[in-house]
Amino acid sequence: MRWISPPERILAILADASLEAGWLTLVYLLVQWTLGDDRTHIGITELAIAALAGLLFARGGSQLSPLSYTALGSGLALLVAGIGAVAFAPRSHDISAVLAMHPGGLLAGVAFLRGTVHAEEGAEARLVESLLGIGLLGLAAFWIVVSISGAARSVPFAQPALGASITFVTAGLLALGLARLASLGAEGMNRHTRRRWLGLLLGVTGVALVISLPLAAILGVPLATAISGVLGPAGMAAIDVLLLLALPFALLAGWLT
């Protein structure tokens, strides 16, 4: 499949990783809540990085033999799971105690494996469409359960849950739109049609932000949670990079003043 431009391909890859990280974060929050702990030791950004690593491995390792691919992929998934379970858990010298306190960290390995599902670019539209269809039902069930159980009233739980939910929906729609855009590009597309598609994708992001702000107010979580959910892990990382780049100019302006 021929993509229209490299930036759109990069955006699609980031959307795929954010999509997988969104629903896995919700699973992780449920695991923590079941254990009686509403704190998060690993976030959506770390899970997105794990999914991105799996995706890049799957697309870069397509030339490997099936046996080598399976062996190397399994080893990397176990490594990522170990890092997720230990590196982002409360400090302890007892590994078994760490795993008991933070079993949800093993989902980092699952995120790596989920990233490998996106190996075939040509099948991306069908894959994302199927994941969105099942995921939206699961998302509705998730919020019904946490509302009945009272978990939604806990800000440490509701804040990452809302952000992950918004990321899942926004990244899923963006990934699906870019996959369809790639299909149309392979068949031939004029510039006007391409601009309309890109405008529609940006409009979806704007609508998601408008809808998410009242939800954040209802749940009593910071409005920044809704914004970060729309932007996703990649968007928030980009903001951090821009702020870091702007720091020297801010220091210079302060010195001149």
C-alpha atoms as a PDB file:
ATOM      1  CA  MET A   1       0.000   0.000   0.000  1.00  0.00           C
ATOM      2  CA  ARG A   2       1.360   3.407  -0.923  1.00  0.00           C
ATOM      3  CA  TRP A   3       0.994   6.118   1.698  1.00  0.00           C
ATOM      4  CA  ILE A   4       0.449   9.722   0.655  1.00  0.00           C
ATOM      5  CA  SER A   5       3.254  11.197   2.732  1.00  0.00           C
ATOM      6  CA  PRO A   6       5.717  10.067   5.434  1.00  0.00           C
ATOM      7  CA  PRO A   7       4.262  12.432   8.097  1.00  0.00           C
ATOM      8  CA  GLU A   8       0.849  10.809   7.704  1.00  0.00           C
ATOM      9  CA  ARG A   9       2.429   7.388   8.021  1.00  0.00           C
ATOM     10  CA  ILE A  10       4.199   8.424  11.243  1.00  0.00           C
ATOM     11  CA  LEU A  11       0.951   9.881  12.599  1.00  0.00           C
ATOM     12  CA  ALA A  12      -0.862   6.628  11.819  1.00  0.00           C
ATOM     13  CA  ILE A  13       1.783   4.582  13.647  1.00  0.00           C
ATOM     14  CA  LEU A  14       1.505   6.821  16.715  1.00  0.00           C
ATOM     15  CA  ALA A  15      -2.293   6.576  16.573  1.00  0.00           C
ATOM     16  CA  ASP A  16      -2.086   2.765  16.467  1.00  0.00           C
ATOM     17  CA  ALA A  17       0.188   2.691  19.524  1.00  0.00           C
ATOM     18  CA  SER A  18      -2.044   5.157  21.410  1.00  0.00           C
ATOM     19  CA  LEU A  19      -5.134   3.125  20.521  1.00  0.00           C
ATOM     20  CA  GLU A  20      -3.683  -0.042  22.045  1.00  0.00           C
ATOM     21  CA  ALA A  21      -2.355   1.831  25.077  1.00  0.00           C
ATOM     22  CA  GLY A  22      -5.766   3.387  25.706  1.00  0.00           C
ATOM     23  CA  TRP A  23      -7.695   0.187  26.337  1.00  0.00           C
ATOM     24  CA  LEU A  24      -4.773  -1.503  28.094  1.00  0.00           C
ATOM     25  CA  THR A  25      -4.602   1.417  30.539  1.00  0.00           C
ATOM     26  CA  LEU A  26      -8.250   0.846  31.412  1.00  0.00           C
ATOM     27  CA  VAL A  27      -7.531  -2.847  32.021  1.00  0.00           C
ATOM     28  CA  TYR A  28      -4.593  -1.864  34.222  1.00  0.00           C
ATOM     29  CA  LEU A  29      -6.759   0.514  36.255  1.00  0.00           C
ATOM     30  CA  LEU A  30      -9.303  -2.243  36.841  1.00  0.00           C
ATOM     31  CA  VAL A  31      -6.525  -4.571  38.028  1.00  0.00           C
ATOM     32  CA  GLN A  32      -5.270  -1.938  40.464  1.00  0.00           C
ATOM     33  CA  TRP A  33      -8.782  -1.195  41.719  1.00  0.00           C
ATOM     34  CA  THR A  34      -9.446  -4.902  42.252  1.00  0.00           C
ATOM     35  CA  LEU A  35      -6.294  -5.048  44.389  1.00  0.00           C
ATOM     36  CA  GLY A  36      -7.590  -2.118  46.442  1.00  0.00           C
ATOM     37  CA  ASP A  37      -5.043   0.328  45.032  1.00  0.00           C
ATOM     38  CA  ASP A  38      -6.271   3.264  42.946  1.00  0.00           C
ATOM     39  CA  ARG A  39      -2.731   4.564  42.293  1.00  0.00           C
ATOM     40  CA  THR A  40      -1.065   4.123  38.928  1.00  0.00           C
ATOM     41  CA  HIS A  41       2.559   3.007  38.834  1.00  0.00           C
ATOM     42  CA  ILE A  42       2.633   2.782  35.045  1.00  0.00           C
ATOM     43  CA  GLY A  43       0.818   5.132  32.696  1.00  0.00           C
ATOM     44  CA  ILE A  44      -0.581   5.289  29.217  1.00  0.00           C
ATOM     45  CA  THR A  45       2.658   6.787  27.893  1.00  0.00           C
ATOM     46  CA  GLU A  46       4.731   3.771  28.950  1.00  0.00           C
ATOM     47  CA  LEU A  47       2.167   1.365  27.503  1.00  0.00           C
ATOM     48  CA  ALA A  48       2.110   3.347  24.252  1.00  0.00           C
ATOM     49  CA  ILE A  49       5.903   3.115  24.027  1.00  0.00           C
ATOM     50  CA  ALA A  50       5.693  -0.662  24.552  1.00  0.00           C
ATOM     51  CA  ALA A  51       3.031  -0.985  21.835  1.00  0.00           C
ATOM     52  CA  LEU A  52       5.078   1.216  19.516  1.00  0.00           C
ATOM     53  CA  ALA A  53       8.132  -0.994  20.092  1.00  0.00           C
ATOM     54  CA  GLY A  54       6.093  -4.067  19.169  1.00  0.00           C
ATOM     55  CA  LEU A  55       4.731  -2.414  16.049  1.00  0.00           C
ATOM     56  CA  LEU A  56       8.174  -1.332  14.859  1.00  0.00           C
ATOM     57  CA  PHE A  57       9.583  -4.783  15.596  1.00  0.00           C
ATOM     58  CA  ALA A  58       6.807  -6.475  13.606  1.00  0.00           C
ATOM     59  CA  ARG A  59       7.249  -4.235  10.579  1.00  0.00           C
ATOM     60  CA  GLY A  60      11.033  -4.262  10.739  1.00  0.00           C
ATOM     61  CA  GLY A  61      11.332  -8.000  11.349  1.00  0.00           C
ATOM     62  CA  SER A  62       9.220  -9.119   8.418  1.00  0.00           C
ATOM     63  CA  GLN A  63      12.338 -10.477   6.716  1.00  0.00           C
ATOM     64  CA  LEU A  64      13.118 -12.856   9.594  1.00  0.00           C
ATOM     65  CA  SER A  65      12.266 -16.517   9.405  1.00  0.00           C
ATOM     66  CA  PRO A  66       9.092 -17.540  11.301  1.00  0.00           C
ATOM     67  CA  LEU A  67      11.132 -19.326  13.966  1.00  0.00           C
ATOM     68  CA  SER A  68      13.512 -16.409  14.498  1.00  0.00           C
ATOM     69  CA  TYR A  69      10.637 -13.926  14.514  1.00  0.00           C
ATOM     70  CA  THR A  70       8.699 -15.916  17.130  1.00  0.00           C
ATOM     71  CA  ALA A  71      11.731 -16.493  19.357  1.00  0.00           C
ATOM     72  CA  LEU A  72      12.955 -12.897  19.229  1.00  0.00           C
ATOM     73  CA  GLY A  73       9.457 -11.445  19.609  1.00  0.00           C
ATOM     74  CA  SER A  74       8.687 -13.647  22.615  1.00  0.00           C
ATOM     75  CA  GLY A  75      11.971 -12.715  24.267  1.00  0.00           C
ATOM     76  CA  LEU A  76      11.361  -9.007  23.741  1.00  0.00           C
ATOM     77  CA  ALA A  77       7.801  -9.293  25.065  1.00  0.00           C
ATOM     78  CA  LEU A  78       9.052 -10.978  28.252  1.00  0.00           C
ATOM     79  CA  LEU A  79      11.744  -8.326  28.621  1.00  0.00           C
ATOM     80  CA  VAL A  80       9.237  -5.497  28.243  1.00  0.00           C
ATOM     81  CA  ALA A  81       6.866  -7.218  30.708  1.00  0.00           C
ATOM     82  CA  GLY A  82       9.683  -7.500  33.249  1.00  0.00           C
ATOM     83  CA  ILE A  83      10.578  -3.846  32.828  1.00  0.00           C
ATOM     84  CA  GLY A  84       6.944  -2.813  33.210  1.00  0.00           C
ATOM     85  CA  ALA A  85       6.464  -4.916  36.346  1.00  0.00           C
ATOM     86  CA  VAL A  86       9.654  -3.875  38.123  1.00  0.00           C
ATOM     87  CA  ALA A  87      10.856  -0.507  36.833  1.00  0.00           C
ATOM     88  CA  PHE A  88       7.538   1.302  37.401  1.00  0.00           C
ATOM     89  CA  ALA A  89       6.659  -0.376  40.700  1.00  0.00           C
ATOM     90  CA  PRO A  90       7.370   0.694  44.299  1.00  0.00           C
ATOM     91  CA  ARG A  91      11.013   0.107  45.144  1.00  0.00           C
ATOM     92  CA  SER A  92      11.704  -3.221  46.826  1.00  0.00           C
ATOM     93  CA  HIS A  93      14.523  -5.766  46.872  1.00  0.00           C
ATOM     94  CA  ASP A  94      12.024  -8.631  46.853  1.00  0.00           C
ATOM     95  CA  ILE A  95      10.999  -9.307  43.234  1.00  0.00           C
ATOM     96  CA  SER A  96       8.101 -11.530  44.273  1.00  0.00           C
ATOM     97  CA  ALA A  97       6.776  -8.747  46.507  1.00  0.00           C
ATOM     98  CA  VAL A  98       7.040  -6.277  43.633  1.00  0.00           C
ATOM     99  CA  LEU A  99       5.068  -8.581  41.334  1.00  0.00           C
ATOM    100  CA  ALA A 100       2.445  -9.056  44.048  1.00  0.00           C
ATOM    101  CA  MET A 101       2.088  -5.281  44.469  1.00  0.00           C
ATOM    102  CA  HIS A 102       2.226  -4.455  40.773  1.00  0.00           C
ATOM    103  CA  PRO A 103       0.994  -7.335  38.589  1.00  0.00           C
ATOM    104  CA  GLY A 104      -0.588  -4.856  36.182  1.00  0.00           C
ATOM    105  CA  GLY A 105       2.868  -3.826  35.059  1.00  0.00           C
ATOM    106  CA  LEU A 106       3.049  -7.098  33.148  1.00  0.00           C
ATOM    107  CA  LEU A 107       0.579  -5.500  30.735  1.00  0.00           C
ATOM    108  CA  ALA A 108       3.574  -3.743  29.194  1.00  0.00           C
ATOM    109  CA  GLY A 109       4.459  -7.099  27.660  1.00  0.00           C
ATOM    110  CA  VAL A 110       0.892  -7.448  26.421  1.00  0.00           C
ATOM    111  CA  ALA A 111       1.175  -3.966  24.891  1.00  0.00           C
ATOM    112  CA  PHE A 112       4.294  -5.084  23.006  1.00  0.00           C
ATOM    113  CA  LEU A 113       2.431  -8.121  21.649  1.00  0.00           C
ATOM    114  CA  ARG A 114      -0.566  -5.987  20.713  1.00  0.00           C
ATOM    115  CA  GLY A 115       1.748  -3.705  18.771  1.00  0.00           C
ATOM    116  CA  THR A 116       2.893  -6.631  16.648  1.00  0.00           C
ATOM    117  CA  VAL A 117      -0.715  -7.118  15.490  1.00  0.00           C
ATOM    118  CA  HIS A 118      -0.319  -3.977  13.369  1.00  0.00           C
ATOM    119  CA  ALA A 119       2.393  -5.552  11.212  1.00  0.00           C
ATOM    120  CA  GLU A 120       0.423  -5.465   7.948  1.00  0.00           C
ATOM    121  CA  GLU A 121      -0.265  -1.908   6.826  1.00  0.00           C
ATOM    122  CA  GLY A 122      -2.704  -3.089   4.172  1.00  0.00           C
ATOM    123  CA  ALA A 123      -4.976  -4.718   6.780  1.00  0.00           C
ATOM    124  CA  GLU A 124      -4.891  -1.751   9.163  1.00  0.00           C
ATOM    125  CA  ALA A 125      -8.353  -0.406   8.336  1.00  0.00           C
ATOM    126  CA  ARG A 126     -10.115  -3.713   9.042  1.00  0.00           C
ATOM    127  CA  LEU A 127      -8.085  -4.254  12.207  1.00  0.00           C
ATOM    128  CA  VAL A 128      -8.803  -0.806  13.662  1.00  0.00           C
ATOM    129  CA  GLU A 129     -12.470  -0.997  12.701  1.00  0.00           C
ATOM    130  CA  SER A 130     -12.833  -4.340  14.490  1.00  0.00           C
ATOM    131  CA  LEU A 131     -10.962  -3.110  17.568  1.00  0.00           C
ATOM    132  CA  LEU A 132     -13.077   0.044  17.752  1.00  0.00           C
ATOM    133  CA  GLY A 133     -16.317  -1.917  17.438  1.00  0.00           C
ATOM    134  CA  ILE A 134     -15.452  -4.230  20.332  1.00  0.00           C
ATOM    135  CA  GLY A 135     -13.664  -1.532  22.309  1.00  0.00           C
ATOM    136  CA  LEU A 136     -16.539   0.937  22.343  1.00  0.00           C
ATOM    137  CA  LEU A 137     -18.817  -1.729  23.838  1.00  0.00           C
ATOM    138  CA  GLY A 138     -16.141  -2.543  26.388  1.00  0.00           C
ATOM    139  CA  LEU A 139     -15.704   1.159  27.138  1.00  0.00           C
ATOM    140  CA  ALA A 140     -19.404   1.545  27.895  1.00  0.00           C
ATOM    141  CA  ALA A 141     -19.317  -1.540  30.131  1.00  0.00           C
ATOM    142  CA  PHE A 142     -16.212  -0.206  31.893  1.00  0.00           C
ATOM    143  CA  TRP A 143     -17.848   3.076  32.891  1.00  0.00           C
ATOM    144  CA  ILE A 144     -21.053   1.343  33.966  1.00  0.00           C
ATOM    145  CA  VAL A 145     -19.074  -0.962  36.256  1.00  0.00           C
ATOM    146  CA  VAL A 146     -16.884   1.769  37.759  1.00  0.00           C
ATOM    147  CA  SER A 147     -19.899   4.034  38.275  1.00  0.00           C
ATOM    148  CA  ILE A 148     -21.827   1.325  40.131  1.00  0.00           C
ATOM    149  CA  SER A 149     -18.801   0.298  42.193  1.00  0.00           C
ATOM    150  CA  GLY A 150     -17.975   3.891  43.140  1.00  0.00           C
ATOM    151  CA  ALA A 151     -14.530   3.864  41.548  1.00  0.00           C
ATOM    152  CA  ALA A 152     -15.497   6.795  39.326  1.00  0.00           C
ATOM    153  CA  ARG A 153     -15.767   8.985  42.425  1.00  0.00           C
ATOM    154  CA  SER A 154     -12.069   8.487  43.157  1.00  0.00           C
ATOM    155  CA  VAL A 155     -10.102  11.235  41.399  1.00  0.00           C
ATOM    156  CA  PRO A 156      -6.827   9.202  41.287  1.00  0.00           C
ATOM    157  CA  PHE A 157      -8.796   6.544  39.389  1.00  0.00           C
ATOM    158  CA  ALA A 158     -11.142   8.709  37.319  1.00  0.00           C
ATOM    159  CA  GLN A 159      -8.443  11.054  36.026  1.00  0.00           C
ATOM    160  CA  PRO A 160      -6.317   8.470  34.142  1.00  0.00           C
ATOM    161  CA  ALA A 161      -9.451   6.499  33.231  1.00  0.00           C
ATOM    162  CA  LEU A 162     -11.036   9.493  31.496  1.00  0.00           C
ATOM    163  CA  GLY A 163      -7.797  10.347  29.711  1.00  0.00           C
ATOM    164  CA  ALA A 164      -7.337   6.767  28.510  1.00  0.00           C
ATOM    165  CA  SER A 165     -10.957   6.558  27.344  1.00  0.00           C
ATOM    166  CA  ILE A 166     -10.675   9.756  25.316  1.00  0.00           C
ATOM    167  CA  THR A 167      -7.341   8.627  23.880  1.00  0.00           C
ATOM    168  CA  PHE A 168      -8.817   5.290  22.838  1.00  0.00           C
ATOM    169  CA  VAL A 169     -11.715   6.884  20.954  1.00  0.00           C
ATOM    170  CA  THR A 170      -9.715   9.726  19.405  1.00  0.00           C
ATOM    171  CA  ALA A 171      -6.723   7.594  18.410  1.00  0.00           C
ATOM    172  CA  GLY A 172      -9.025   4.896  17.049  1.00  0.00           C
ATOM    173  CA  LEU A 173     -10.943   7.300  14.826  1.00  0.00           C
ATOM    174  CA  LEU A 174      -7.707   8.941  13.701  1.00  0.00           C
ATOM    175  CA  ALA A 175      -6.069   5.583  12.925  1.00  0.00           C
ATOM    176  CA  LEU A 176      -9.130   4.437  11.009  1.00  0.00           C
ATOM    177  CA  GLY A 177      -9.307   7.670   9.032  1.00  0.00           C
ATOM    178  CA  LEU A 178      -5.624   7.535   8.116  1.00  0.00           C
ATOM    179  CA  ALA A 179      -5.931   3.894   7.090  1.00  0.00           C
ATOM    180  CA  ARG A 180      -8.842   4.777   4.796  1.00  0.00           C
ATOM    181  CA  LEU A 181      -6.861   7.732   3.508  1.00  0.00           C
ATOM    182  CA  ALA A 182      -3.987   5.401   2.670  1.00  0.00           C
ATOM    183  CA  SER A 183      -6.372   3.085   0.802  1.00  0.00           C
ATOM    184  CA  LEU A 184      -7.731   5.975  -1.227  1.00  0.00           C
ATOM    185  CA  GLY A 185      -4.189   7.154  -1.882  1.00  0.00           C
ATOM    186  CA  ALA A 186      -3.296   3.759  -3.285  1.00  0.00           C
ATOM    187  CA  GLU A 187      -6.238   3.982  -5.668  1.00  0.00           C
ATOM    188  CA  GLY A 188      -5.459   7.559  -6.641  1.00  0.00           C
ATOM    189  CA  MET A 189      -6.638  10.737  -4.965  1.00  0.00           C
ATOM    190  CA  ASN A 190      -6.627  14.358  -6.004  1.00  0.00           C
ATOM    191  CA  ARG A 191      -5.364  17.114  -3.735  1.00  0.00           C
ATOM    192  CA  HIS A 192      -8.818  18.506  -3.005  1.00  0.00           C
ATOM    193  CA  THR A 193     -10.135  15.163  -1.737  1.00  0.00           C
ATOM    194  CA  ARG A 194      -7.053  14.660   0.373  1.00  0.00           C
ATOM    195  CA  ARG A 195      -7.511  18.046   2.050  1.00  0.00           C
ATOM    196  CA  ARG A 196     -11.134  17.242   2.842  1.00  0.00           C
ATOM    197  CA  TRP A 197     -10.082  13.967   4.499  1.00  0.00           C
ATOM    198  CA  LEU A 198      -7.406  15.664   6.568  1.00  0.00           C
ATOM    199  CA  GLY A 199      -9.847  18.401   7.572  1.00  0.00           C
ATOM    200  CA  LEU A 200     -12.340  15.745   8.661  1.00  0.00           C
ATOM    201  CA  LEU A 201      -9.722  14.006  10.794  1.00  0.00           C
ATOM    202  CA  LEU A 202      -8.780  17.267  12.493  1.00  0.00           C
ATOM    203  CA  GLY A 203     -12.474  17.989  13.031  1.00  0.00           C
ATOM    204  CA  VAL A 204     -12.887  14.662  14.830  1.00  0.00           C
ATOM    205  CA  THR A 205     -10.124  15.687  17.237  1.00  0.00           C
ATOM    206  CA  GLY A 206     -11.839  19.015  17.875  1.00  0.00           C
ATOM    207  CA  VAL A 207     -15.220  17.376  18.513  1.00  0.00           C
ATOM    208  CA  ALA A 208     -13.602  14.923  20.934  1.00  0.00           C
ATOM    209  CA  LEU A 209     -12.127  17.836  22.872  1.00  0.00           C
ATOM    210  CA  VAL A 210     -15.470  19.669  23.037  1.00  0.00           C
ATOM    211  CA  ILE A 211     -17.226  16.547  24.334  1.00  0.00           C
ATOM    212  CA  SER A 212     -14.509  15.604  26.819  1.00  0.00           C
ATOM    213  CA  LEU A 213     -14.338  18.944  28.645  1.00  0.00           C
ATOM    214  CA  PRO A 214     -17.844  18.632  30.233  1.00  0.00           C
ATOM    215  CA  LEU A 215     -17.073  15.011  31.143  1.00  0.00           C
ATOM    216  CA  ALA A 216     -13.962  16.143  32.992  1.00  0.00           C
ATOM    217  CA  ALA A 217     -16.021  18.731  34.881  1.00  0.00           C
ATOM    218  CA  ILE A 218     -18.664  16.128  35.824  1.00  0.00           C
ATOM    219  CA  LEU A 219     -16.055  13.693  37.149  1.00  0.00           C
ATOM    220  CA  GLY A 220     -14.263  16.478  39.002  1.00  0.00           C
ATOM    221  CA  VAL A 221     -10.900  15.938  37.324  1.00  0.00           C
ATOM    222  CA  PRO A 222      -8.651  18.663  35.872  1.00  0.00           C
ATOM    223  CA  LEU A 223      -9.579  19.915  32.414  1.00  0.00           C
ATOM    224  CA  ALA A 224      -5.993  19.204  31.371  1.00  0.00           C
ATOM    225  CA  THR A 225      -6.910  15.516  31.578  1.00  0.00           C
ATOM    226  CA  ALA A 226      -9.363  15.933  28.713  1.00  0.00           C
ATOM    227  CA  ILE A 227      -6.816  17.845  26.646  1.00  0.00           C
ATOM    228  CA  SER A 228      -4.116  15.233  27.236  1.00  0.00           C
ATOM    229  CA  GLY A 229      -6.604  12.488  26.335  1.00  0.00           C
ATOM    230  CA  VAL A 230      -7.345  14.107  22.975  1.00  0.00           C
ATOM    231  CA  LEU A 231      -3.691  14.711  22.190  1.00  0.00           C
ATOM    232  CA  GLY A 232      -2.678  11.254  23.366  1.00  0.00           C
ATOM    233  CA  PRO A 233       0.751  10.208  24.672  1.00  0.00           C
ATOM    234  CA  ALA A 234       2.517  11.387  21.523  1.00  0.00           C
ATOM    235  CA  GLY A 235       0.883  14.806  21.683  1.00  0.00           C
ATOM    236  CA  MET A 236       1.779  15.349  25.314  1.00  0.00           C
ATOM    237  CA  ALA A 237       5.354  14.223  24.645  1.00  0.00           C
ATOM    238  CA  ALA A 238       5.531  16.750  21.792  1.00  0.00           C
ATOM    239  CA  ILE A 239       4.340  19.505  24.134  1.00  0.00           C
ATOM    240  CA  ASP A 240       7.032  18.562  26.651  1.00  0.00           C
ATOM    241  CA  VAL A 241       9.675  18.727  23.911  1.00  0.00           C
ATOM    242  CA  LEU A 242       8.451  22.140  22.758  1.00  0.00           C
ATOM    243  CA  LEU A 243       8.485  23.448  26.323  1.00  0.00           C
ATOM    244  CA  LEU A 244      12.021  22.147  26.740  1.00  0.00           C
ATOM    245  CA  LEU A 245      13.103  23.869  23.537  1.00  0.00           C
ATOM    246  CA  ALA A 246      11.443  27.096  24.648  1.00  0.00           C
ATOM    247  CA  LEU A 247      13.174  27.084  28.041  1.00  0.00           C
ATOM    248  CA  PRO A 248      16.416  28.788  26.882  1.00  0.00           C
ATOM    249  CA  PHE A 249      14.416  31.567  25.222  1.00  0.00           C
ATOM    250  CA  ALA A 250      12.378  32.039  28.386  1.00  0.00           C
ATOM    251  CA  LEU A 251      15.546  32.259  30.477  1.00  0.00           C
ATOM    252  CA  LEU A 252      17.040  34.757  28.011  1.00  0.00           C
ATOM    253  CA  ALA A 253      13.884  36.871  28.113  1.00  0.00           C
ATOM    254  CA  GLY A 254      13.932  36.848  31.906  1.00  0.00           C
ATOM    255  CA  TRP A 255      17.599  37.860  31.971  1.00  0.00           C
ATOM    256  CA  LEU A 256      16.988  40.724  29.514  1.00  0.00           C
ATOM    257  CA  THR A 257      14.020  41.908  31.548  1.00  0.00           C
END
